[in-house]
Amino acid sequence: MYEYFASTLPSFAFGAPPPMSAEELRAAAEGNLRAADLAALDALLSGAPSDHPFVAAWRDRNTQLRNAVARARAARGAASGGASSAGGEGAARWLRPHGGWSAAVESGVAAAFQEPDALRRHRALARLRWDQATELAGLDPFSSAAVLAYAVRLVLAADLAKADEEAGLERLRKTADPPAEG
């Protein structure tokens, strides 16, 4: 369906810097995607509502993933003897309904929470999202789902490019040691 457009998108691997910004992808998509697919791309990039099948499937998977993260955090808080982030209610108040179910999401989140530090856990969860987007893209590299999955992976790559251990530690130091008032 999108043989020409999809073949012009630069390839990139997980962990590599994104080859373009989301805005550049959106500009390139203008005039190359059908109106419904362009609206789906906009919804993915902005968080706006959409009834596009790929967007709905992606949001269901991502909601399942976020729910699994909430449950894992609540369990970790309870196991450490502290109050859960939900004020003793566990994860229940943070859970959101979603369609479908993926065992890979549940096992992937459990594996991510075995990582020893927050940055590695963040990367593991990003990899899980990347893999879920790739799965939802299907086997046709020129389909609208493949183009939309590319957009999801592009956003994930941009997020990972911003995640820097040293910058995170510096933010933590500034939070822990606020400047003295003079």
N, C-alpha and C. Protein backbone atom coordinates (compact mmCIF):
# COMPACT_ATOMS: atom_id res chain seq x y z
N MET A 1 0.83 -1.18 0.00
CA MET A 1 0.00 0.00 0.00
C MET A 1 0.88 1.26 0.00
N TYR A 2 1.91 1.28 0.84
CA TYR A 2 2.79 2.45 0.93
C TYR A 2 4.23 2.07 0.55
N GLU A 3 4.36 1.38 -0.57
CA GLU A 3 5.67 0.89 -0.98
C GLU A 3 6.70 2.01 -1.08
N TYR A 4 6.34 3.08 -1.77
CA TYR A 4 7.29 4.17 -1.97
C TYR A 4 7.61 4.86 -0.64
N PHE A 5 6.59 5.29 0.08
CA PHE A 5 6.81 6.04 1.31
C PHE A 5 7.57 5.20 2.34
N ALA A 6 7.14 3.98 2.55
CA ALA A 6 7.80 3.13 3.56
C ALA A 6 9.26 2.88 3.19
N SER A 7 9.54 2.75 1.90
CA SER A 7 10.93 2.49 1.50
C SER A 7 11.81 3.73 1.63
N THR A 8 11.23 4.91 1.75
CA THR A 8 12.04 6.12 1.93
C THR A 8 12.37 6.38 3.40
N LEU A 9 11.71 5.68 4.31
CA LEU A 9 11.97 5.89 5.73
C LEU A 9 13.29 5.25 6.12
N PRO A 10 14.19 6.00 6.74
CA PRO A 10 15.49 5.43 7.11
C PRO A 10 15.32 4.38 8.20
N SER A 11 16.00 3.27 8.04
CA SER A 11 15.92 2.21 9.05
C SER A 11 16.79 2.58 10.25
N PHE A 12 16.45 2.01 11.38
CA PHE A 12 17.23 2.19 12.60
C PHE A 12 16.90 1.05 13.55
N ALA A 13 17.82 0.75 14.42
CA ALA A 13 17.67 -0.37 15.34
C ALA A 13 17.38 0.14 16.74
N PHE A 14 16.88 -0.75 17.57
CA PHE A 14 16.62 -0.40 18.96
C PHE A 14 17.94 0.07 19.59
N GLY A 15 17.87 1.17 20.32
CA GLY A 15 19.04 1.71 20.99
C GLY A 15 19.81 2.73 20.16
N ALA A 16 19.52 2.78 18.86
CA ALA A 16 20.17 3.75 17.99
C ALA A 16 19.43 5.08 18.09
N PRO A 17 20.12 6.18 17.84
CA PRO A 17 19.43 7.47 17.85
C PRO A 17 18.39 7.50 16.72
N PRO A 18 17.32 8.22 16.95
CA PRO A 18 16.30 8.28 15.89
C PRO A 18 16.84 9.00 14.67
N PRO A 19 16.52 8.50 13.47
CA PRO A 19 17.05 9.13 12.25
C PRO A 19 16.33 10.42 11.88
N MET A 20 15.21 10.70 12.53
CA MET A 20 14.45 11.92 12.27
C MET A 20 13.57 12.19 13.47
N SER A 21 13.03 13.36 13.54
CA SER A 21 12.11 13.70 14.62
C SER A 21 10.69 13.28 14.23
N ALA A 22 9.82 13.24 15.21
CA ALA A 22 8.41 12.94 14.94
C ALA A 22 7.82 14.00 14.01
N GLU A 23 8.23 15.24 14.19
CA GLU A 23 7.74 16.32 13.33
C GLU A 23 8.19 16.11 11.89
N GLU A 24 9.42 15.66 11.71
CA GLU A 24 9.92 15.40 10.35
C GLU A 24 9.17 14.24 9.71
N LEU A 25 8.86 13.22 10.50
CA LEU A 25 8.07 12.11 9.98
C LEU A 25 6.69 12.60 9.57
N ARG A 26 6.08 13.40 10.41
CA ARG A 26 4.74 13.93 10.11
C ARG A 26 4.77 14.75 8.82
N ALA A 27 5.78 15.58 8.65
CA ALA A 27 5.89 16.39 7.43
C ALA A 27 6.09 15.50 6.20
N ALA A 28 6.89 14.46 6.34
CA ALA A 28 7.12 13.55 5.22
C ALA A 28 5.86 12.77 4.88
N ALA A 29 5.05 12.48 5.88
CA ALA A 29 3.83 11.69 5.68
C ALA A 29 2.74 12.49 4.95
N GLU A 30 2.79 13.80 5.13
CA GLU A 30 1.80 14.67 4.48
C GLU A 30 1.85 14.44 2.97
N GLY A 31 0.72 14.10 2.40
CA GLY A 31 0.66 13.86 0.96
C GLY A 31 1.05 12.45 0.56
N ASN A 32 1.60 11.67 1.48
CA ASN A 32 1.98 10.29 1.17
C ASN A 32 1.07 9.26 1.82
N LEU A 33 0.34 9.65 2.84
CA LEU A 33 -0.57 8.74 3.52
C LEU A 33 -2.01 9.15 3.22
N ARG A 34 -2.88 8.16 3.19
CA ARG A 34 -4.30 8.45 3.06
C ARG A 34 -4.75 9.24 4.29
N ALA A 35 -5.84 9.96 4.15
CA ALA A 35 -6.32 10.83 5.23
C ALA A 35 -6.52 10.07 6.54
N ALA A 36 -7.09 8.88 6.49
CA ALA A 36 -7.34 8.10 7.72
C ALA A 36 -6.03 7.70 8.39
N ASP A 37 -5.04 7.32 7.58
CA ASP A 37 -3.75 6.92 8.14
C ASP A 37 -2.97 8.12 8.66
N LEU A 38 -3.10 9.26 7.99
CA LEU A 38 -2.46 10.48 8.47
C LEU A 38 -3.08 10.91 9.80
N ALA A 39 -4.40 10.80 9.91
CA ALA A 39 -5.08 11.12 11.17
C ALA A 39 -4.63 10.15 12.27
N ALA A 40 -4.43 8.88 11.93
CA ALA A 40 -3.94 7.90 12.91
C ALA A 40 -2.53 8.26 13.37
N LEU A 41 -1.69 8.67 12.43
CA LEU A 41 -0.34 9.11 12.78
C LEU A 41 -0.39 10.30 13.73
N ASP A 42 -1.23 11.26 13.41
CA ASP A 42 -1.38 12.43 14.28
C ASP A 42 -1.84 12.01 15.67
N ALA A 43 -2.78 11.07 15.74
CA ALA A 43 -3.28 10.60 17.04
C ALA A 43 -2.17 9.91 17.83
N LEU A 44 -1.35 9.13 17.16
CA LEU A 44 -0.23 8.47 17.85
C LEU A 44 0.76 9.49 18.39
N LEU A 45 1.03 10.51 17.61
CA LEU A 45 2.03 11.49 18.01
C LEU A 45 1.52 12.47 19.05
N SER A 46 0.21 12.69 19.08
CA SER A 46 -0.34 13.69 20.00
C SER A 46 -1.11 13.11 21.18
N GLY A 47 -1.48 11.84 21.08
CA GLY A 47 -2.30 11.24 22.13
C GLY A 47 -3.79 11.50 21.93
N ALA A 48 -4.16 12.07 20.79
CA ALA A 48 -5.56 12.36 20.51
C ALA A 48 -6.35 11.06 20.29
N PRO A 49 -7.65 11.11 20.50
CA PRO A 49 -8.48 9.92 20.27
C PRO A 49 -8.43 9.47 18.81
N SER A 50 -8.59 8.17 18.62
CA SER A 50 -8.61 7.62 17.26
C SER A 50 -9.30 6.27 17.30
N ASP A 51 -10.04 5.97 16.25
CA ASP A 51 -10.64 4.64 16.14
C ASP A 51 -9.92 3.80 15.08
N HIS A 52 -8.76 4.25 14.64
CA HIS A 52 -7.97 3.49 13.68
C HIS A 52 -7.56 2.16 14.32
N PRO A 53 -7.66 1.05 13.59
CA PRO A 53 -7.36 -0.26 14.19
C PRO A 53 -5.95 -0.38 14.79
N PHE A 54 -4.94 0.17 14.10
CA PHE A 54 -3.59 0.08 14.67
C PHE A 54 -3.48 0.89 15.95
N VAL A 55 -3.99 2.10 15.93
CA VAL A 55 -3.91 2.96 17.12
C VAL A 55 -4.63 2.31 18.29
N ALA A 56 -5.81 1.75 18.05
CA ALA A 56 -6.55 1.07 19.11
C ALA A 56 -5.77 -0.12 19.65
N ALA A 57 -5.20 -0.91 18.75
CA ALA A 57 -4.42 -2.09 19.19
C ALA A 57 -3.18 -1.65 19.97
N TRP A 58 -2.49 -0.62 19.49
CA TRP A 58 -1.30 -0.14 20.19
C TRP A 58 -1.67 0.38 21.58
N ARG A 59 -2.72 1.14 21.67
CA ARG A 59 -3.12 1.70 22.96
C ARG A 59 -3.56 0.60 23.92
N ASP A 60 -4.21 -0.44 23.41
CA ASP A 60 -4.56 -1.58 24.27
C ASP A 60 -3.30 -2.26 24.81
N ARG A 61 -2.33 -2.51 23.96
CA ARG A 61 -1.08 -3.15 24.41
C ARG A 61 -0.35 -2.26 25.41
N ASN A 62 -0.27 -0.97 25.10
CA ASN A 62 0.46 -0.06 25.98
C ASN A 62 -0.27 0.08 27.31
N THR A 63 -1.59 0.06 27.30
CA THR A 63 -2.35 0.12 28.56
C THR A 63 -2.11 -1.15 29.37
N GLN A 64 -2.11 -2.30 28.71
CA GLN A 64 -1.80 -3.54 29.43
C GLN A 64 -0.41 -3.46 30.05
N LEU A 65 0.54 -2.93 29.29
CA LEU A 65 1.91 -2.80 29.79
C LEU A 65 1.95 -1.86 31.00
N ARG A 66 1.28 -0.74 30.90
CA ARG A 66 1.27 0.22 32.02
C ARG A 66 0.60 -0.38 33.25
N ASN A 67 -0.47 -1.16 33.03
CA ASN A 67 -1.12 -1.83 34.15
C ASN A 67 -0.17 -2.84 34.81
N ALA A 68 0.56 -3.59 34.00
CA ALA A 68 1.51 -4.56 34.53
C ALA A 68 2.62 -3.85 35.31
N VAL A 69 3.06 -2.70 34.83
CA VAL A 69 4.07 -1.91 35.55
C VAL A 69 3.49 -1.44 36.89
N ALA A 70 2.25 -0.98 36.90
CA ALA A 70 1.63 -0.53 38.15
C ALA A 70 1.55 -1.68 39.16
N ARG A 71 1.17 -2.86 38.68
CA ARG A 71 1.10 -4.02 39.59
C ARG A 71 2.48 -4.39 40.11
N ALA A 72 3.49 -4.34 39.23
CA ALA A 72 4.85 -4.68 39.65
C ALA A 72 5.38 -3.68 40.67
N ARG A 73 5.11 -2.42 40.47
CA ARG A 73 5.56 -1.40 41.42
C ARG A 73 4.85 -1.56 42.77
N ALA A 74 3.56 -1.85 42.73
CA ALA A 74 2.82 -2.06 43.98
C ALA A 74 3.35 -3.28 44.71
N ALA A 75 3.63 -4.35 43.99
CA ALA A 75 4.18 -5.56 44.61
C ALA A 75 5.56 -5.29 45.19
N ARG A 76 6.36 -4.53 44.47
CA ARG A 76 7.71 -4.20 44.95
C ARG A 76 7.62 -3.36 46.22
N GLY A 77 6.69 -2.39 46.25
CA GLY A 77 6.50 -1.57 47.44
C GLY A 77 6.03 -2.38 48.62
N ALA A 78 5.11 -3.31 48.38
CA ALA A 78 4.60 -4.15 49.45
C ALA A 78 5.69 -5.10 49.95
N ALA A 79 6.52 -5.61 49.05
CA ALA A 79 7.58 -6.53 49.43
C ALA A 79 8.66 -5.84 50.24
N SER A 80 8.86 -4.54 50.02
CA SER A 80 9.90 -3.82 50.76
C SER A 80 9.37 -3.31 52.10
N GLY A 81 8.10 -3.60 52.37
CA GLY A 81 7.54 -3.20 53.66
C GLY A 81 6.98 -1.80 53.67
N GLY A 82 7.09 -1.09 52.56
CA GLY A 82 6.57 0.29 52.49
C GLY A 82 5.15 0.30 51.99
N ALA A 83 4.57 1.45 52.08
CA ALA A 83 3.22 1.61 51.54
C ALA A 83 3.31 1.62 50.03
N SER A 84 2.33 1.08 49.38
CA SER A 84 2.34 1.10 47.92
C SER A 84 2.10 2.52 47.44
N SER A 85 2.38 2.74 46.17
CA SER A 85 2.19 4.08 45.60
C SER A 85 0.73 4.48 45.57
N ALA A 86 -0.16 3.54 45.79
CA ALA A 86 -1.59 3.84 45.76
C ALA A 86 -2.14 4.01 47.17
N GLY A 87 -1.28 4.28 48.14
CA GLY A 87 -1.74 4.53 49.50
C GLY A 87 -2.35 3.32 50.17
N GLY A 88 -1.76 2.14 49.99
CA GLY A 88 -2.25 0.94 50.63
C GLY A 88 -3.29 0.19 49.83
N GLU A 89 -3.71 0.72 48.71
CA GLU A 89 -4.71 0.06 47.89
C GLU A 89 -4.09 -0.82 46.81
N GLY A 90 -2.79 -0.95 46.81
CA GLY A 90 -2.15 -1.69 45.73
C GLY A 90 -2.24 -0.92 44.44
N ALA A 91 -2.27 -1.64 43.34
CA ALA A 91 -2.27 -1.00 42.03
C ALA A 91 -3.67 -0.71 41.51
N ALA A 92 -4.69 -1.16 42.18
CA ALA A 92 -6.05 -1.13 41.64
C ALA A 92 -6.48 0.25 41.12
N ARG A 93 -6.17 1.29 41.84
CA ARG A 93 -6.64 2.60 41.38
C ARG A 93 -5.90 3.13 40.16
N TRP A 94 -4.78 2.50 39.82
CA TRP A 94 -4.00 2.94 38.66
C TRP A 94 -4.31 2.13 37.42
N LEU A 95 -5.04 1.05 37.55
CA LEU A 95 -5.30 0.17 36.42
C LEU A 95 -6.39 0.74 35.52
N ARG A 96 -6.22 0.56 34.22
CA ARG A 96 -7.17 1.05 33.23
C ARG A 96 -7.64 -0.11 32.37
N PRO A 97 -8.88 -0.06 31.92
CA PRO A 97 -9.39 -1.14 31.06
C PRO A 97 -8.70 -1.11 29.70
N HIS A 98 -8.59 -2.28 29.10
CA HIS A 98 -8.01 -2.39 27.75
C HIS A 98 -8.57 -3.63 27.08
N GLY A 99 -8.49 -3.65 25.78
CA GLY A 99 -8.90 -4.82 25.02
C GLY A 99 -7.71 -5.72 24.78
N GLY A 100 -7.99 -6.97 24.52
CA GLY A 100 -6.93 -7.92 24.19
C GLY A 100 -6.06 -8.28 25.38
N TRP A 101 -5.19 -9.24 25.13
CA TRP A 101 -4.27 -9.70 26.16
C TRP A 101 -3.03 -10.25 25.50
N SER A 102 -1.87 -9.91 26.03
CA SER A 102 -0.61 -10.43 25.52
C SER A 102 0.20 -11.00 26.67
N ALA A 103 0.44 -12.30 26.62
CA ALA A 103 1.28 -12.93 27.64
C ALA A 103 2.70 -12.37 27.58
N ALA A 104 3.14 -11.99 26.38
CA ALA A 104 4.49 -11.43 26.22
C ALA A 104 4.64 -10.13 26.99
N VAL A 105 3.59 -9.34 27.06
CA VAL A 105 3.64 -8.09 27.82
C VAL A 105 3.82 -8.40 29.30
N GLU A 106 3.04 -9.31 29.82
CA GLU A 106 3.13 -9.65 31.24
C GLU A 106 4.50 -10.21 31.60
N SER A 107 5.01 -11.14 30.81
CA SER A 107 6.32 -11.71 31.12
C SER A 107 7.43 -10.69 30.87
N GLY A 108 7.26 -9.82 29.88
CA GLY A 108 8.26 -8.79 29.62
C GLY A 108 8.37 -7.78 30.74
N VAL A 109 7.24 -7.39 31.30
CA VAL A 109 7.27 -6.46 32.44
C VAL A 109 7.90 -7.14 33.64
N ALA A 110 7.55 -8.39 33.89
CA ALA A 110 8.16 -9.12 35.01
C ALA A 110 9.68 -9.19 34.85
N ALA A 111 10.13 -9.45 33.63
CA ALA A 111 11.57 -9.50 33.37
C ALA A 111 12.22 -8.13 33.55
N ALA A 112 11.55 -7.08 33.11
CA ALA A 112 12.10 -5.73 33.25
C ALA A 112 12.28 -5.37 34.72
N PHE A 113 11.38 -5.82 35.56
CA PHE A 113 11.48 -5.50 36.98
C PHE A 113 12.52 -6.34 37.71
N GLN A 114 13.20 -7.22 36.99
CA GLN A 114 14.35 -7.93 37.54
C GLN A 114 15.63 -7.13 37.34
N GLU A 115 15.55 -6.09 36.52
CA GLU A 115 16.73 -5.24 36.28
C GLU A 115 17.10 -4.51 37.56
N PRO A 116 18.40 -4.35 37.81
CA PRO A 116 18.84 -3.79 39.10
C PRO A 116 18.68 -2.29 39.26
N ASP A 117 18.56 -1.54 38.17
CA ASP A 117 18.43 -0.09 38.34
C ASP A 117 17.37 0.47 37.39
N ALA A 118 16.96 1.68 37.69
CA ALA A 118 15.84 2.30 36.98
C ALA A 118 16.13 2.51 35.50
N LEU A 119 17.33 2.89 35.14
CA LEU A 119 17.64 3.14 33.73
C LEU A 119 17.57 1.84 32.93
N ARG A 120 18.11 0.78 33.47
CA ARG A 120 18.05 -0.51 32.77
C ARG A 120 16.61 -1.01 32.69
N ARG A 121 15.82 -0.77 33.72
CA ARG A 121 14.41 -1.13 33.70
C ARG A 121 13.67 -0.32 32.62
N HIS A 122 13.99 0.97 32.55
CA HIS A 122 13.38 1.85 31.53
C HIS A 122 13.71 1.33 30.13
N ARG A 123 14.95 0.96 29.91
CA ARG A 123 15.37 0.44 28.60
C ARG A 123 14.66 -0.88 28.30
N ALA A 124 14.52 -1.74 29.30
CA ALA A 124 13.84 -3.02 29.09
C ALA A 124 12.37 -2.82 28.74
N LEU A 125 11.73 -1.86 29.39
CA LEU A 125 10.32 -1.57 29.09
C LEU A 125 10.20 -0.94 27.70
N ALA A 126 11.15 -0.09 27.33
CA ALA A 126 11.15 0.50 25.99
C ALA A 126 11.33 -0.59 24.94
N ARG A 127 12.20 -1.55 25.21
CA ARG A 127 12.41 -2.67 24.28
C ARG A 127 11.13 -3.49 24.13
N LEU A 128 10.43 -3.69 25.23
CA LEU A 128 9.17 -4.42 25.19
C LEU A 128 8.15 -3.67 24.34
N ARG A 129 8.06 -2.36 24.53
CA ARG A 129 7.15 -1.55 23.70
C ARG A 129 7.55 -1.63 22.22
N TRP A 130 8.83 -1.54 21.96
CA TRP A 130 9.36 -1.64 20.59
C TRP A 130 8.92 -2.96 19.96
N ASP A 131 9.10 -4.04 20.69
CA ASP A 131 8.74 -5.36 20.18
C ASP A 131 7.24 -5.48 19.97
N GLN A 132 6.45 -4.89 20.85
CA GLN A 132 5.00 -4.94 20.69
C GLN A 132 4.56 -4.15 19.46
N ALA A 133 5.15 -2.99 19.23
CA ALA A 133 4.83 -2.21 18.03
C ALA A 133 5.21 -2.99 16.78
N THR A 134 6.35 -3.65 16.81
CA THR A 134 6.80 -4.45 15.67
C THR A 134 5.84 -5.59 15.40
N GLU A 135 5.38 -6.24 16.46
CA GLU A 135 4.41 -7.33 16.30
C GLU A 135 3.11 -6.82 15.69
N LEU A 136 2.64 -5.68 16.18
CA LEU A 136 1.39 -5.12 15.65
C LEU A 136 1.52 -4.65 14.21
N ALA A 137 2.73 -4.37 13.76
CA ALA A 137 2.96 -3.93 12.38
C ALA A 137 2.62 -5.02 11.38
N GLY A 138 2.74 -6.26 11.79
CA GLY A 138 2.45 -7.37 10.89
C GLY A 138 3.62 -7.66 9.97
N LEU A 139 3.37 -8.46 8.96
CA LEU A 139 4.44 -8.95 8.09
C LEU A 139 4.66 -8.12 6.84
N ASP A 140 3.72 -7.26 6.50
CA ASP A 140 3.84 -6.45 5.29
C ASP A 140 4.57 -5.14 5.63
N PRO A 141 5.81 -4.97 5.18
CA PRO A 141 6.56 -3.77 5.53
C PRO A 141 6.05 -2.49 4.87
N PHE A 142 5.08 -2.62 3.97
CA PHE A 142 4.55 -1.46 3.27
C PHE A 142 3.12 -1.12 3.69
N SER A 143 2.62 -1.78 4.71
CA SER A 143 1.25 -1.54 5.18
C SER A 143 1.17 -0.27 6.02
N SER A 144 -0.06 0.20 6.21
CA SER A 144 -0.24 1.36 7.08
C SER A 144 0.17 1.02 8.51
N ALA A 145 -0.07 -0.22 8.94
CA ALA A 145 0.34 -0.64 10.29
C ALA A 145 1.86 -0.55 10.44
N ALA A 146 2.59 -0.91 9.40
CA ALA A 146 4.05 -0.84 9.46
C ALA A 146 4.53 0.61 9.57
N VAL A 147 3.90 1.49 8.84
CA VAL A 147 4.27 2.91 8.91
C VAL A 147 3.94 3.48 10.29
N LEU A 148 2.79 3.11 10.83
CA LEU A 148 2.41 3.61 12.16
C LEU A 148 3.29 3.01 13.25
N ALA A 149 3.67 1.75 13.10
CA ALA A 149 4.60 1.13 14.06
C ALA A 149 5.96 1.83 14.00
N TYR A 150 6.36 2.24 12.81
CA TYR A 150 7.61 3.01 12.65
C TYR A 150 7.53 4.28 13.50
N ALA A 151 6.38 4.94 13.47
CA ALA A 151 6.21 6.17 14.25
C ALA A 151 6.34 5.88 15.74
N VAL A 152 5.74 4.79 16.20
CA VAL A 152 5.85 4.42 17.62
C VAL A 152 7.31 4.17 17.97
N ARG A 153 8.03 3.42 17.13
CA ARG A 153 9.45 3.13 17.41
C ARG A 153 10.29 4.40 17.36
N LEU A 154 9.93 5.33 16.48
CA LEU A 154 10.65 6.60 16.41
C LEU A 154 10.51 7.38 17.71
N VAL A 155 9.30 7.43 18.24
CA VAL A 155 9.06 8.12 19.52
C VAL A 155 9.81 7.42 20.65
N LEU A 156 9.82 6.09 20.65
CA LEU A 156 10.56 5.35 21.68
C LEU A 156 12.06 5.63 21.58
N ALA A 157 12.58 5.68 20.36
CA ALA A 157 14.01 5.96 20.17
C ALA A 157 14.36 7.36 20.66
N ALA A 158 13.49 8.32 20.42
CA ALA A 158 13.73 9.68 20.90
C ALA A 158 13.74 9.72 22.41
N ASP A 159 12.82 9.00 23.04
CA ASP A 159 12.77 8.93 24.50
C ASP A 159 14.04 8.30 25.05
N LEU A 160 14.49 7.22 24.44
CA LEU A 160 15.72 6.57 24.91
C LEU A 160 16.94 7.45 24.71
N ALA A 161 16.95 8.22 23.64
CA ALA A 161 18.08 9.12 23.40
C ALA A 161 18.18 10.18 24.49
N LYS A 162 17.03 10.55 25.09
CA LYS A 162 17.03 11.54 26.17
C LYS A 162 17.41 10.93 27.51
N ALA A 163 17.24 9.61 27.65
CA ALA A 163 17.53 8.94 28.92
C ALA A 163 19.03 8.79 29.06
N ASP A 164 19.59 9.51 29.95
CA ASP A 164 21.04 9.53 30.16
C ASP A 164 21.30 9.35 31.65
N GLU A 165 22.11 8.37 31.99
CA GLU A 165 22.35 8.05 33.39
C GLU A 165 22.97 9.24 34.14
N GLU A 166 23.94 9.88 33.55
CA GLU A 166 24.59 11.01 34.23
C GLU A 166 23.61 12.17 34.44
N ALA A 167 22.82 12.46 33.43
CA ALA A 167 21.83 13.55 33.56
C ALA A 167 20.81 13.19 34.64
N GLY A 168 20.41 11.93 34.69
CA GLY A 168 19.47 11.49 35.72
C GLY A 168 20.05 11.63 37.12
N LEU A 169 21.30 11.25 37.27
CA LEU A 169 21.95 11.40 38.58
C LEU A 169 22.09 12.86 38.98
N GLU A 170 22.37 13.73 38.00
CA GLU A 170 22.47 15.16 38.29
C GLU A 170 21.12 15.72 38.73
N ARG A 171 20.04 15.30 38.06
CA ARG A 171 18.70 15.74 38.49
C ARG A 171 18.39 15.26 39.89
N LEU A 172 18.79 14.03 40.20
CA LEU A 172 18.57 13.49 41.54
C LEU A 172 19.35 14.29 42.57
N ARG A 173 20.60 14.62 42.26
CA ARG A 173 21.41 15.42 43.20
C ARG A 173 20.77 16.78 43.44
N LYS A 174 20.28 17.42 42.39
CA LYS A 174 19.65 18.73 42.54
C LYS A 174 18.38 18.64 43.37
N THR A 175 17.63 17.56 43.20
CA THR A 175 16.41 17.37 43.97
C THR A 175 16.73 17.09 45.43
N ALA A 176 17.74 16.27 45.66
CA ALA A 176 18.11 15.88 47.02
C ALA A 176 18.80 17.02 47.77
N ASP A 177 19.54 17.85 47.05
CA ASP A 177 20.29 18.94 47.67
C ASP A 177 19.88 20.26 47.04
N PRO A 178 18.71 20.78 47.40
CA PRO A 178 18.29 22.05 46.80
C PRO A 178 19.26 23.18 47.19
N PRO A 179 19.40 24.18 46.32
CA PRO A 179 20.32 25.27 46.65
C PRO A 179 19.86 26.02 47.89
N ALA A 180 20.85 26.44 48.66
CA ALA A 180 20.55 27.21 49.89
C ALA A 180 20.01 28.58 49.50
N GLU A 181 19.02 29.03 50.26
CA GLU A 181 18.49 30.36 50.01
C GLU A 181 19.45 31.39 50.55
N GLY A 182 19.60 32.47 49.85
CA GLY A 182 20.60 33.45 50.26
C GLY A 182 20.06 34.70 50.62
